[in-house]
PDB file of N, CA and C in Angstrom:
ATOM      1  N   MET A   1     -28.826  65.514  32.187  1.00  0.00           N
ATOM      2  CA  MET A   1     -28.600  64.253  31.549  1.00  0.00           C
ATOM      3  C   MET A   1     -28.034  63.228  32.510  1.00  0.00           C
ATOM      4  N   ALA A   2     -27.716  63.683  33.615  1.00  0.00           N
ATOM      5  CA  ALA A   2     -27.216  62.735  34.610  1.00  0.00           C
ATOM      6  C   ALA A   2     -28.397  61.956  35.129  1.00  0.00           C
ATOM      7  N   GLY A   3     -28.622  60.879  34.498  1.00  0.00           N
ATOM      8  CA  GLY A   3     -29.779  60.072  34.883  1.00  0.00           C
ATOM      9  C   GLY A   3     -29.338  58.857  35.666  1.00  0.00           C
ATOM     10  N   GLY A   4     -29.976  58.717  36.728  1.00  0.00           N
ATOM     11  CA  GLY A   4     -29.666  57.540  37.519  1.00  0.00           C
ATOM     12  C   GLY A   4     -30.794  56.535  37.359  1.00  0.00           C
ATOM     13  N   ARG A   5     -30.490  55.463  36.761  1.00  0.00           N
ATOM     14  CA  ARG A   5     -31.520  54.438  36.615  1.00  0.00           C
ATOM     15  C   ARG A   5     -31.700  53.742  37.946  1.00  0.00           C
ATOM     16  N   LYS A   6     -32.930  53.354  38.152  1.00  0.00           N
ATOM     17  CA  LYS A   6     -33.206  52.621  39.378  1.00  0.00           C
ATOM     18  C   LYS A   6     -32.614  51.229  39.267  1.00  0.00           C
ATOM     19  N   LYS A   7     -31.998  50.827  40.308  1.00  0.00           N
ATOM     20  CA  LYS A   7     -31.440  49.482  40.306  1.00  0.00           C
ATOM     21  C   LYS A   7     -32.563  48.505  40.614  1.00  0.00           C
ATOM     22  N   ARG A   8     -32.696  47.567  39.747  1.00  0.00           N
ATOM     23  CA  ARG A   8     -33.731  46.560  39.943  1.00  0.00           C
ATOM     24  C   ARG A   8     -33.128  45.358  40.646  1.00  0.00           C
ATOM     25  N   ARG A   9     -33.905  44.842  41.488  1.00  0.00           N
ATOM     26  CA  ARG A   9     -33.471  43.639  42.175  1.00  0.00           C
ATOM     27  C   ARG A   9     -33.724  42.446  41.247  1.00  0.00           C
ATOM     28  N   LEU A  10     -32.725  41.657  41.044  1.00  0.00           N
ATOM     29  CA  LEU A  10     -32.871  40.507  40.158  1.00  0.00           C
ATOM     30  C   LEU A  10     -33.643  39.415  40.873  1.00  0.00           C
ATOM     31  N   MET A  11     -34.647  38.919  40.181  1.00  0.00           N
ATOM     32  CA  MET A  11     -35.467  37.851  40.736  1.00  0.00           C
ATOM     33  C   MET A  11     -35.127  36.563  39.981  1.00  0.00           C
ATOM     34  N   PHE A  12     -34.714  35.589  40.704  1.00  0.00           N
ATOM     35  CA  PHE A  12     -34.417  34.308  40.084  1.00  0.00           C
ATOM     36  C   PHE A  12     -35.560  33.356  40.351  1.00  0.00           C
ATOM     37  N   ARG A  13     -35.961  32.688  39.315  1.00  0.00           N
ATOM     38  CA  ARG A  13     -37.003  31.682  39.456  1.00  0.00           C
ATOM     39  C   ARG A  13     -36.372  30.313  39.463  1.00  0.00           C
ATOM     40  N   ARG A  14     -36.880  29.487  40.298  1.00  0.00           N
ATOM     41  CA  ARG A  14     -36.398  28.119  40.322  1.00  0.00           C
ATOM     42  C   ARG A  14     -36.918  27.402  39.082  1.00  0.00           C
ATOM     43  N   LYS A  15     -36.036  26.663  38.447  1.00  0.00           N
ATOM     44  CA  LYS A  15     -36.452  25.933  37.251  1.00  0.00           C
ATOM     45  C   LYS A  15     -37.442  24.849  37.607  1.00  0.00           C
ATOM     46  N   ARG A  16     -38.416  24.711  36.752  1.00  0.00           N
ATOM     47  CA  ARG A  16     -39.406  23.659  36.920  1.00  0.00           C
ATOM     48  C   ARG A  16     -38.766  22.338  36.508  1.00  0.00           C
ATOM     49  N   THR A  17     -38.870  21.356  37.345  1.00  0.00           N
ATOM     50  CA  THR A  17     -38.275  20.057  37.039  1.00  0.00           C
ATOM     51  C   THR A  17     -39.361  18.993  36.981  1.00  0.00           C
ATOM     52  N   LEU A  18     -38.990  17.870  36.438  1.00  0.00           N
ATOM     53  CA  LEU A  18     -39.923  16.751  36.354  1.00  0.00           C
ATOM     54  C   LEU A  18     -40.123  16.120  37.722  1.00  0.00           C
ATOM     55  N   ASP A  19     -41.290  15.583  37.890  1.00  0.00           N
ATOM     56  CA  ASP A  19     -41.584  14.846  39.108  1.00  0.00           C
ATOM     57  C   ASP A  19     -40.754  13.559  39.097  1.00  0.00           C
ATOM     58  N   PRO A  20     -39.951  13.315  40.127  1.00  0.00           N
ATOM     59  CA  PRO A  20     -39.117  12.109  40.113  1.00  0.00           C
ATOM     60  C   PRO A  20     -39.906  10.807  40.189  1.00  0.00           C
ATOM     61  N   SER A  21     -41.186  10.890  40.526  1.00  0.00           N
ATOM     62  CA  SER A  21     -41.980   9.662  40.608  1.00  0.00           C
ATOM     63  C   SER A  21     -42.454   9.178  39.239  1.00  0.00           C
ATOM     64  N   ILE A  22     -42.286  10.008  38.204  1.00  0.00           N
ATOM     65  CA  ILE A  22     -42.689   9.612  36.849  1.00  0.00           C
ATOM     66  C   ILE A  22     -41.716   8.554  36.330  1.00  0.00           C
ATOM     67  N   VAL A  23     -42.267   7.443  35.914  1.00  0.00           N
ATOM     68  CA  VAL A  23     -41.448   6.358  35.366  1.00  0.00           C
ATOM     69  C   VAL A  23     -41.405   6.528  33.853  1.00  0.00           C
ATOM     70  N   ILE A  24     -40.219   6.721  33.325  1.00  0.00           N
ATOM     71  CA  ILE A  24     -40.043   6.901  31.885  1.00  0.00           C
ATOM     72  C   ILE A  24     -39.722   5.535  31.297  1.00  0.00           C
ATOM     73  N   ASP A  25     -40.692   4.998  30.562  1.00  0.00           N
ATOM     74  CA  ASP A  25     -40.535   3.667  29.991  1.00  0.00           C
ATOM     75  C   ASP A  25     -41.192   3.653  28.616  1.00  0.00           C
ATOM     76  N   TYR A  26     -40.599   2.940  27.673  1.00  0.00           N
ATOM     77  CA  TYR A  26     -41.151   2.900  26.321  1.00  0.00           C
ATOM     78  C   TYR A  26     -42.495   2.195  26.269  1.00  0.00           C
ATOM     79  N   LYS A  27     -42.822   1.407  27.284  1.00  0.00           N
ATOM     80  CA  LYS A  27     -44.092   0.682  27.301  1.00  0.00           C
ATOM     81  C   LYS A  27     -45.234   1.527  27.844  1.00  0.00           C
ATOM     82  N   ASN A  28     -44.969   2.789  28.156  1.00  0.00           N
ATOM     83  CA  ASN A  28     -45.981   3.688  28.702  1.00  0.00           C
ATOM     84  C   ASN A  28     -46.146   4.892  27.767  1.00  0.00           C
ATOM     85  N   PRO A  29     -46.876   4.728  26.651  1.00  0.00           N
ATOM     86  CA  PRO A  29     -46.972   5.814  25.675  1.00  0.00           C
ATOM     87  C   PRO A  29     -47.750   7.025  26.179  1.00  0.00           C
ATOM     88  N   ASP A  30     -48.621   6.850  27.171  1.00  0.00           N
ATOM     89  CA  ASP A  30     -49.370   7.995  27.688  1.00  0.00           C
ATOM     90  C   ASP A  30     -48.437   9.009  28.344  1.00  0.00           C
ATOM     91  N   VAL A  31     -47.444   8.535  29.057  1.00  0.00           N
ATOM     92  CA  VAL A  31     -46.465   9.433  29.683  1.00  0.00           C
ATOM     93  C   VAL A  31     -45.572  10.045  28.608  1.00  0.00           C
ATOM     94  N   LEU A  32     -45.182   9.258  27.620  1.00  0.00           N
ATOM     95  CA  LEU A  32     -44.262   9.749  26.590  1.00  0.00           C
ATOM     96  C   LEU A  32     -44.900  10.808  25.703  1.00  0.00           C
ATOM     97  N   ARG A  33     -46.221  10.779  25.542  1.00  0.00           N
ATOM     98  CA  ARG A  33     -46.890  11.784  24.706  1.00  0.00           C
ATOM     99  C   ARG A  33     -46.734  13.189  25.273  1.00  0.00           C
ATOM    100  N   ARG A  34     -46.482  13.296  26.568  1.00  0.00           N
ATOM    101  CA  ARG A  34     -46.264  14.608  27.184  1.00  0.00           C
ATOM    102  C   ARG A  34     -44.972  15.245  26.703  1.00  0.00           C
ATOM    103  N   PHE A  35     -44.033  14.433  26.224  1.00  0.00           N
ATOM    104  CA  PHE A  35     -42.722  14.917  25.821  1.00  0.00           C
ATOM    105  C   PHE A  35     -42.555  14.972  24.309  1.00  0.00           C
ATOM    106  N   VAL A  36     -43.661  14.878  23.569  1.00  0.00           N
ATOM    107  CA  VAL A  36     -43.627  14.914  22.109  1.00  0.00           C
ATOM    108  C   VAL A  36     -44.589  16.001  21.642  1.00  0.00           C
ATOM    109  N   THR A  37     -44.172  16.815  20.664  1.00  0.00           N
ATOM    110  CA  THR A  37     -45.032  17.873  20.143  1.00  0.00           C
ATOM    111  C   THR A  37     -46.116  17.282  19.253  1.00  0.00           C
ATOM    112  N   ASP A  38     -47.020  18.143  18.794  1.00  0.00           N
ATOM    113  CA  ASP A  38     -48.093  17.679  17.915  1.00  0.00           C
ATOM    114  C   ASP A  38     -47.563  17.270  16.543  1.00  0.00           C
ATOM    115  N   ARG A  39     -46.353  17.669  16.217  1.00  0.00           N
ATOM    116  CA  ARG A  39     -45.745  17.258  14.954  1.00  0.00           C
ATOM    117  C   ARG A  39     -44.828  16.062  15.109  1.00  0.00           C
ATOM    118  N   GLY A  40     -44.725  15.535  16.331  1.00  0.00           N
ATOM    119  CA  GLY A  40     -43.944  14.330  16.558  1.00  0.00           C
ATOM    120  C   GLY A  40     -42.521  14.563  17.009  1.00  0.00           C
ATOM    121  N   LYS A  41     -42.138  15.808  17.268  1.00  0.00           N
ATOM    122  CA  LYS A  41     -40.773  16.097  17.700  1.00  0.00           C
ATOM    123  C   LYS A  41     -40.659  15.964  19.215  1.00  0.00           C
ATOM    124  N   ILE A  42     -39.502  15.539  19.665  1.00  0.00           N
ATOM    125  CA  ILE A  42     -39.251  15.412  21.098  1.00  0.00           C
ATOM    126  C   ILE A  42     -38.977  16.804  21.661  1.00  0.00           C
ATOM    127  N   ILE A  43     -39.657  17.140  22.753  1.00  0.00           N
ATOM    128  CA  ILE A  43     -39.532  18.465  23.368  1.00  0.00           C
ATOM    129  C   ILE A  43     -38.161  18.576  24.035  1.00  0.00           C
ATOM    130  N   PRO A  44     -37.442  19.698  23.844  1.00  0.00           N
ATOM    131  CA  PRO A  44     -36.125  19.853  24.472  1.00  0.00           C
ATOM    132  C   PRO A  44     -36.223  19.987  25.987  1.00  0.00           C
ATOM    133  N   ARG A  45     -35.133  19.705  26.658  1.00  0.00           N
ATOM    134  CA  ARG A  45     -35.158  19.684  28.120  1.00  0.00           C
ATOM    135  C   ARG A  45     -35.294  21.063  28.735  1.00  0.00           C
ATOM    136  N   ARG A  46     -34.916  22.113  28.029  1.00  0.00           N
ATOM    137  CA  ARG A  46     -35.097  23.453  28.596  1.00  0.00           C
ATOM    138  C   ARG A  46     -36.567  23.819  28.690  1.00  0.00           C
ATOM    139  N   ILE A  47     -37.414  23.157  27.892  1.00  0.00           N
ATOM    140  CA  ILE A  47     -38.855  23.394  27.949  1.00  0.00           C
ATOM    141  C   ILE A  47     -39.532  22.367  28.853  1.00  0.00           C
ATOM    142  N   SER A  48     -39.117  21.117  28.735  1.00  0.00           N
ATOM    143  CA  SER A  48     -39.780  20.067  29.516  1.00  0.00           C
ATOM    144  C   SER A  48     -39.367  20.076  30.979  1.00  0.00           C
ATOM    145  N   GLY A  49     -38.200  20.624  31.281  1.00  0.00           N
ATOM    146  CA  GLY A  49     -37.741  20.664  32.658  1.00  0.00           C
ATOM    147  C   GLY A  49     -37.056  19.397  33.104  1.00  0.00           C
ATOM    148  N   ALA A  50     -36.666  18.567  32.176  1.00  0.00           N
ATOM    149  CA  ALA A  50     -36.005  17.312  32.524  1.00  0.00           C
ATOM    150  C   ALA A  50     -34.521  17.552  32.768  1.00  0.00           C
ATOM    151  N   THR A  51     -33.940  16.720  33.586  1.00  0.00           N
ATOM    152  CA  THR A  51     -32.492  16.754  33.756  1.00  0.00           C
ATOM    153  C   THR A  51     -31.860  16.078  32.543  1.00  0.00           C
ATOM    154  N   ALA A  52     -30.538  16.168  32.439  1.00  0.00           N
ATOM    155  CA  ALA A  52     -29.858  15.562  31.290  1.00  0.00           C
ATOM    156  C   ALA A  52     -30.074  14.049  31.268  1.00  0.00           C
ATOM    157  N   LYS A  53     -30.019  13.444  32.425  1.00  0.00           N
ATOM    158  CA  LYS A  53     -30.210  11.995  32.513  1.00  0.00           C
ATOM    159  C   LYS A  53     -31.638  11.616  32.142  1.00  0.00           C
ATOM    160  N   GLN A  54     -32.614  12.397  32.620  1.00  0.00           N
ATOM    161  CA  GLN A  54     -34.013  12.127  32.286  1.00  0.00           C
ATOM    162  C   GLN A  54     -34.263  12.337  30.801  1.00  0.00           C
ATOM    163  N   GLN A  55     -33.640  13.374  30.217  1.00  0.00           N
ATOM    164  CA  GLN A  55     -33.844  13.657  28.796  1.00  0.00           C
ATOM    165  C   GLN A  55     -33.300  12.525  27.932  1.00  0.00           C
ATOM    166  N   ARG A  56     -32.167  11.975  28.312  1.00  0.00           N
ATOM    167  CA  ARG A  56     -31.625  10.830  27.558  1.00  0.00           C
ATOM    168  C   ARG A  56     -32.574   9.642  27.637  1.00  0.00           C
ATOM    169  N   ALA A  57     -33.144   9.427  28.813  1.00  0.00           N
ATOM    170  CA  ALA A  57     -34.094   8.317  28.981  1.00  0.00           C
ATOM    171  C   ALA A  57     -35.361   8.567  28.173  1.00  0.00           C
ATOM    172  N   ILE A  58     -35.817   9.828  28.123  1.00  0.00           N
ATOM    173  CA  ILE A  58     -37.015  10.179  27.348  1.00  0.00           C
ATOM    174  C   ILE A  58     -36.767   9.923  25.863  1.00  0.00           C
ATOM    175  N   CYS A  59     -35.632  10.396  25.354  1.00  0.00           N
ATOM    176  CA  CYS A  59     -35.314  10.216  23.931  1.00  0.00           C
ATOM    177  C   CYS A  59     -35.245   8.736  23.566  1.00  0.00           C
ATOM    178  N   LEU A  60     -34.588   7.969  24.394  1.00  0.00           N
ATOM    179  CA  LEU A  60     -34.461   6.541  24.126  1.00  0.00           C
ATOM    180  C   LEU A  60     -35.822   5.856  24.171  1.00  0.00           C
ATOM    181  N   ALA A  61     -36.646   6.211  25.149  1.00  0.00           N
ATOM    182  CA  ALA A  61     -37.965   5.587  25.288  1.00  0.00           C
ATOM    183  C   ALA A  61     -38.882   5.969  24.131  1.00  0.00           C
ATOM    184  N   VAL A  62     -38.844   7.236  23.696  1.00  0.00           N
ATOM    185  CA  VAL A  62     -39.686   7.678  22.577  1.00  0.00           C
ATOM    186  C   VAL A  62     -39.270   6.963  21.298  1.00  0.00           C
ATOM    187  N   LYS A  63     -37.979   6.845  21.071  1.00  0.00           N
ATOM    188  CA  LYS A  63     -37.504   6.182  19.857  1.00  0.00           C
ATOM    189  C   LYS A  63     -37.867   4.696  19.850  1.00  0.00           C
ATOM    190  N   ARG A  64     -37.771   4.058  20.998  1.00  0.00           N
ATOM    191  CA  ARG A  64     -38.162   2.649  21.076  1.00  0.00           C
ATOM    192  C   ARG A  64     -39.662   2.485  20.874  1.00  0.00           C
ATOM    193  N   ALA A  65     -40.444   3.388  21.456  1.00  0.00           N
ATOM    194  CA  ALA A  65     -41.902   3.310  21.313  1.00  0.00           C
ATOM    195  C   ALA A  65     -42.317   3.556  19.867  1.00  0.00           C
ATOM    196  N   ARG A  66     -41.624   4.446  19.175  1.00  0.00           N
ATOM    197  CA  ARG A  66     -41.918   4.673  17.758  1.00  0.00           C
ATOM    198  C   ARG A  66     -41.611   3.420  16.948  1.00  0.00           C
ATOM    199  N   TYR A  67     -40.477   2.809  17.224  1.00  0.00           N
ATOM    200  CA  TYR A  67     -40.066   1.617  16.485  1.00  0.00           C
ATOM    201  C   TYR A  67     -41.067   0.482  16.676  1.00  0.00           C
ATOM    202  N   LEU A  68     -41.621   0.366  17.876  1.00  0.00           N
ATOM    203  CA  LEU A  68     -42.585  -0.692  18.172  1.00  0.00           C
ATOM    204  C   LEU A  68     -44.021  -0.281  17.855  1.00  0.00           C
ATOM    205  N   ALA A  69     -44.199   0.876  17.232  1.00  0.00           N
ATOM    206  CA  ALA A  69     -45.512   1.402  16.814  1.00  0.00           C
ATOM    207  C   ALA A  69     -46.423   1.697  18.000  1.00  0.00           C
ATOM    208  N   LEU A  70     -45.843   1.998  19.152  1.00  0.00           N
ATOM    209  CA  LEU A  70     -46.648   2.446  20.285  1.00  0.00           C
ATOM    210  C   LEU A  70     -46.890   3.945  20.197  1.00  0.00           C
ATOM    211  N   LEU A  71     -45.972   4.656  19.551  1.00  0.00           N
ATOM    212  CA  LEU A  71     -46.109   6.088  19.277  1.00  0.00           C
ATOM    213  C   LEU A  71     -45.924   6.293  17.778  1.00  0.00           C
ATOM    214  N   PRO A  72     -46.719   7.167  17.171  1.00  0.00           N
ATOM    215  CA  PRO A  72     -46.497   7.452  15.750  1.00  0.00           C
ATOM    216  C   PRO A  72     -45.280   8.357  15.569  1.00  0.00           C
ATOM    217  N   TYR A  73     -44.665   8.295  14.404  1.00  0.00           N
ATOM    218  CA  TYR A  73     -43.526   9.161  14.131  1.00  0.00           C
ATOM    219  C   TYR A  73     -43.967  10.609  14.006  1.00  0.00           C
ATOM    220  N   SER A  74     -45.146  10.840  13.435  1.00  0.00           N
ATOM    221  CA  SER A  74     -45.689  12.199  13.366  1.00  0.00           C
ATOM    222  C   SER A  74     -47.161  12.132  13.737  1.00  0.00           C
ATOM    223  N   LEU A  75     -47.543  12.915  14.710  1.00  0.00           N
ATOM    224  CA  LEU A  75     -48.904  12.851  15.222  1.00  0.00           C
ATOM    225  C   LEU A  75     -49.887  13.606  14.344  1.00  0.00           C
ATOM    226  N   GLY A  76     -49.451  14.639  13.642  1.00  0.00           N
ATOM    227  CA  GLY A  76     -50.363  15.514  12.926  1.00  0.00           C
ATOM    228  C   GLY A  76     -50.953  14.944  11.656  1.00  0.00           C
ATOM    229  N   HIS A  77     -50.321  13.961  11.056  1.00  0.00           N
ATOM    230  CA  HIS A  77     -50.759  13.486   9.747  1.00  0.00           C
ATOM    231  C   HIS A  77     -51.497  12.170   9.801  1.00  0.00           C
ATOM    232  N   ARG A  78     -51.821  11.725  10.962  1.00  0.00           N
ATOM    233  CA  ARG A  78     -52.497  10.436  11.089  1.00  0.00           C
ATOM    234  C   ARG A  78     -53.974  10.586  10.765  1.00  0.00           C
ATOM    235  N   GLN A  79     -54.475   9.728   9.924  1.00  0.00           N
ATOM    236  CA  GLN A  79     -55.887   9.754   9.577  1.00  0.00           C
ATOM    237  C   GLN A  79     -56.503   8.422   9.963  1.00  0.00           C
ATOM    238  N   GLU A  80     -57.673   8.510  10.532  1.00  0.00           N
ATOM    239  CA  GLU A  80     -58.381   7.285  10.884  1.00  0.00           C
ATOM    240  C   GLU A  80     -58.937   6.674   9.605  1.00  0.00           C
ATOM    241  N   ARG A  81     -58.804   5.390   9.471  1.00  0.00           N
ATOM    242  CA  ARG A  81     -59.274   4.715   8.271  1.00  0.00           C
ATOM    243  C   ARG A  81     -60.393   3.763   8.627  1.00  0.00           C
ATOM    244  N   ASN A  82     -61.272   3.585   7.679  1.00  0.00           N
ATOM    245  CA  ASN A  82     -62.353   2.637   7.860  1.00  0.00           C
ATOM    246  C   ASN A  82     -61.900   1.314   7.250  1.00  0.00           C
ATOM    247  N   PHE A  83     -61.637   0.347   8.096  1.00  0.00           N
ATOM    248  CA  PHE A  83     -61.084  -0.928   7.650  1.00  0.00           C
ATOM    249  C   PHE A  83     -62.041  -1.654   6.710  1.00  0.00           C
ATOM    250  N   ALA A  84     -63.345  -1.618   7.006  1.00  0.00           N
ATOM    251  CA  ALA A  84     -64.322  -2.332   6.181  1.00  0.00           C
ATOM    252  C   ALA A  84     -64.384  -1.738   4.775  1.00  0.00           C
ATOM    253  N   THR A  85     -64.331  -0.430   4.654  1.00  0.00           N
ATOM    254  CA  THR A  85     -64.376   0.218   3.347  1.00  0.00           C
ATOM    255  C   THR A  85     -63.141  -0.136   2.530  1.00  0.00           C
ATOM    256  N   GLU A  86     -61.980  -0.115   3.167  1.00  0.00           N
ATOM    257  CA  GLU A  86     -60.757  -0.449   2.451  1.00  0.00           C
ATOM    258  C   GLU A  86     -60.760  -1.899   1.981  1.00  0.00           C
ATOM    259  N   MET A  87     -61.228  -2.794   2.818  1.00  0.00           N
ATOM    260  CA  MET A  87     -61.239  -4.205   2.446  1.00  0.00           C
ATOM    261  C   MET A  87     -62.222  -4.473   1.306  1.00  0.00           C
ATOM    262  N   SER A  88     -63.366  -3.793   1.303  1.00  0.00           N
ATOM    263  CA  SER A  88     -64.311  -3.994   0.210  1.00  0.00           C
ATOM    264  C   SER A  88     -63.752  -3.433  -1.095  1.00  0.00           C
ATOM    265  N   ALA A  89     -63.007  -2.329  -1.020  1.00  0.00           N
ATOM    266  CA  ALA A  89     -62.392  -1.769  -2.217  1.00  0.00           C
ATOM    267  C   ALA A  89     -61.325  -2.710  -2.764  1.00  0.00           C
ATOM    268  N   ILE A  90     -60.566  -3.315  -1.878  1.00  0.00           N
ATOM    269  CA  ILE A  90     -59.537  -4.265  -2.307  1.00  0.00           C
ATOM    270  C   ILE A  90     -60.182  -5.504  -2.919  1.00  0.00           C
ATOM    271  N   ALA A  91     -61.268  -5.962  -2.314  1.00  0.00           N
ATOM    272  CA  ALA A  91     -61.943  -7.163  -2.813  1.00  0.00           C
ATOM    273  C   ALA A  91     -62.540  -6.929  -4.197  1.00  0.00           C
ATOM    274  N   THR A  92     -63.147  -5.768  -4.431  1.00  0.00           N
ATOM    275  CA  THR A  92     -63.741  -5.506  -5.745  1.00  0.00           C
ATOM    276  C   THR A  92     -62.667  -5.360  -6.808  1.00  0.00           C
ATOM    277  N   SER A  93     -61.532  -4.767  -6.461  1.00  0.00           N
ATOM    278  CA  SER A  93     -60.478  -4.636  -7.464  1.00  0.00           C
ATOM    279  C   SER A  93     -59.828  -5.988  -7.747  1.00  0.00           C
ATOM    280  N   ALA A  94     -59.799  -6.865  -6.763  1.00  0.00           N
ATOM    281  CA  ALA A  94     -59.216  -8.192  -6.973  1.00  0.00           C
ATOM    282  C   ALA A  94     -60.119  -9.070  -7.828  1.00  0.00           C
ATOM    283  N   MET A  95     -61.420  -8.811  -7.813  1.00  0.00           N
ATOM    284  CA  MET A  95     -62.363  -9.605  -8.597  1.00  0.00           C
ATOM    285  C   MET A  95     -62.333  -9.231 -10.067  1.00  0.00           C
ATOM    286  N   GLY A  96     -61.705  -8.134 -10.377  1.00  0.00           N
ATOM    287  CA  GLY A  96     -61.623  -7.741 -11.773  1.00  0.00           C
ATOM    288  C   GLY A  96     -62.792  -6.888 -12.212  1.00  0.00           C
ATOM    289  N   THR A  97     -63.445  -6.216 -11.324  1.00  0.00           N
ATOM    290  CA  THR A  97     -64.579  -5.370 -11.684  1.00  0.00           C
ATOM    291  C   THR A  97     -64.151  -3.922 -11.849  1.00  0.00           C
ATOM    292  N   SER A  98     -62.874  -3.703 -12.043  1.00  0.00           N
ATOM    293  CA  SER A  98     -62.424  -2.325 -12.193  1.00  0.00           C
ATOM    294  C   SER A  98     -62.810  -1.819 -13.578  1.00  0.00           C
ATOM    295  N   SER A  99     -62.879  -0.509 -13.727  1.00  0.00           N
ATOM    296  CA  SER A  99     -63.304   0.085 -14.988  1.00  0.00           C
ATOM    297  C   SER A  99     -62.138   0.257 -15.953  1.00  0.00           C
ATOM    298  N   ARG A 100     -60.909   0.011 -15.511  1.00  0.00           N
ATOM    299  CA  ARG A 100     -59.752   0.170 -16.375  1.00  0.00           C
ATOM    300  C   ARG A 100     -59.602  -1.034 -17.300  1.00  0.00           C
ATOM    301  N   PRO A 101     -59.127  -0.818 -18.512  1.00  0.00           N
ATOM    302  CA  PRO A 101     -58.857  -1.964 -19.388  1.00  0.00           C
ATOM    303  C   PRO A 101     -57.670  -2.754 -18.849  1.00  0.00           C
ATOM    304  N   SER A 102     -57.627  -4.028 -19.203  1.00  0.00           N
ATOM    305  CA  SER A 102     -56.580  -4.894 -18.675  1.00  0.00           C
ATOM    306  C   SER A 102     -55.206  -4.526 -19.225  1.00  0.00           C
ATOM    307  N   SER A 103     -55.162  -3.993 -20.431  1.00  0.00           N
ATOM    308  CA  SER A 103     -53.893  -3.614 -21.026  1.00  0.00           C
ATOM    309  C   SER A 103     -54.029  -2.202 -21.584  1.00  0.00           C
ATOM    310  N   PRO A 104     -53.034  -1.378 -21.441  1.00  0.00           N
ATOM    311  CA  PRO A 104     -53.145  -0.019 -21.971  1.00  0.00           C
ATOM    312  C   PRO A 104     -53.148   0.033 -23.489  1.00  0.00           C
ATOM    313  N   ARG A 105     -52.674  -1.027 -24.152  1.00  0.00           N
ATOM    314  CA  ARG A 105     -52.622  -1.045 -25.610  1.00  0.00           C
ATOM    315  C   ARG A 105     -53.851  -1.663 -26.242  1.00  0.00           C
ATOM    316  N   GLY A 106     -54.748  -2.172 -25.468  1.00  0.00           N
ATOM    317  CA  GLY A 106     -55.935  -2.795 -26.025  1.00  0.00           C
ATOM    318  C   GLY A 106     -55.766  -4.297 -26.144  1.00  0.00           C
ATOM    319  N   PRO A 107     -56.721  -4.969 -26.791  1.00  0.00           N
ATOM    320  CA  PRO A 107     -56.628  -6.426 -26.909  1.00  0.00           C
ATOM    321  C   PRO A 107     -55.468  -6.828 -27.809  1.00  0.00           C
ATOM    322  N   ARG A 108     -54.915  -7.966 -27.526  1.00  0.00           N
ATOM    323  CA  ARG A 108     -53.770  -8.454 -28.269  1.00  0.00           C
ATOM    324  C   ARG A 108     -54.218  -9.198 -29.519  1.00  0.00           C
ATOM    325  N   GLU A 109     -53.584  -8.899 -30.601  1.00  0.00           N
ATOM    326  CA  GLU A 109     -53.905  -9.601 -31.845  1.00  0.00           C
ATOM    327  C   GLU A 109     -52.873 -10.696 -32.066  1.00  0.00           C
ATOM    328  N   ASP A 110     -53.317 -11.780 -32.669  1.00  0.00           N
ATOM    329  CA  ASP A 110     -52.391 -12.873 -32.945  1.00  0.00           C
ATOM    330  C   ASP A 110     -51.446 -12.468 -34.065  1.00  0.00           C
ATOM    331  N   LYS A 111     -50.182 -12.756 -33.824  1.00  0.00           N
ATOM    332  CA  LYS A 111     -49.179 -12.445 -34.833  1.00  0.00           C
ATOM    333  C   LYS A 111     -49.133 -13.583 -35.848  1.00  0.00           C
ATOM    334  N   PRO A 112     -48.854 -13.275 -37.091  1.00  0.00           N
ATOM    335  CA  PRO A 112     -48.682 -14.366 -38.052  1.00  0.00           C
ATOM    336  C   PRO A 112     -47.428 -15.162 -37.699  1.00  0.00           C
ATOM    337  N   MET A 113     -47.513 -16.471 -37.856  1.00  0.00           N
ATOM    338  CA  MET A 113     -46.401 -17.331 -37.490  1.00  0.00           C
ATOM    339  C   MET A 113     -45.316 -17.285 -38.541  1.00  0.00           C
ATOM    340  N   ARG A 114     -44.106 -17.393 -38.045  1.00  0.00           N
ATOM    341  CA  ARG A 114     -42.964 -17.461 -38.951  1.00  0.00           C
ATOM    342  C   ARG A 114     -42.744 -18.913 -39.369  1.00  0.00           C
ATOM    343  N   ASP A 115     -41.879 -19.091 -40.306  1.00  0.00           N
ATOM    344  CA  ASP A 115     -41.574 -20.452 -40.749  1.00  0.00           C
ATOM    345  C   ASP A 115     -40.887 -21.211 -39.621  1.00  0.00           C
ATOM    346  N   GLY A 116     -41.315 -22.400 -39.342  1.00  0.00           N
ATOM    347  CA  GLY A 116     -40.711 -23.253 -38.333  1.00  0.00           C
ATOM    348  C   GLY A 116     -41.354 -23.121 -36.968  1.00  0.00           C
ATOM    349  N   GLU A 117     -42.297 -22.210 -36.789  1.00  0.00           N
ATOM    350  CA  GLU A 117     -42.969 -22.062 -35.498  1.00  0.00           C
ATOM    351  C   GLU A 117     -44.346 -22.678 -35.578  1.00  0.00           C
ATOM    352  N   GLU A 118     -44.805 -23.168 -34.484  1.00  0.00           N
ATOM    353  CA  GLU A 118     -46.150 -23.731 -34.468  1.00  0.00           C
ATOM    354  C   GLU A 118     -47.026 -22.988 -33.526  1.00  0.00           C
TER     355      GLU A 118
END
């Protein structure tokens, strides 16, 4: 039972870091998309390889880009819309060609007038 385990040599890997030439700016959404998941979450620095200072800049830039609609808040739920179809649907409903009755109670009947009303 006297077992001697082999001693393994510990191998350390150098952490992958961001290229310092990358400019992190809210006006550059193509670069910022690299730091956002498909669900719209900001990737943590232990995965992205950013330093603490770079991660703060990434978070600030992503939040500013979202606010200015350069980046969506969630990437997975975005659906492309056909603008012409939507506008024609809005136009037909505005013209009053909808199939719904104008009032849920039906047409209004005139009430008999009380004394003193005209």
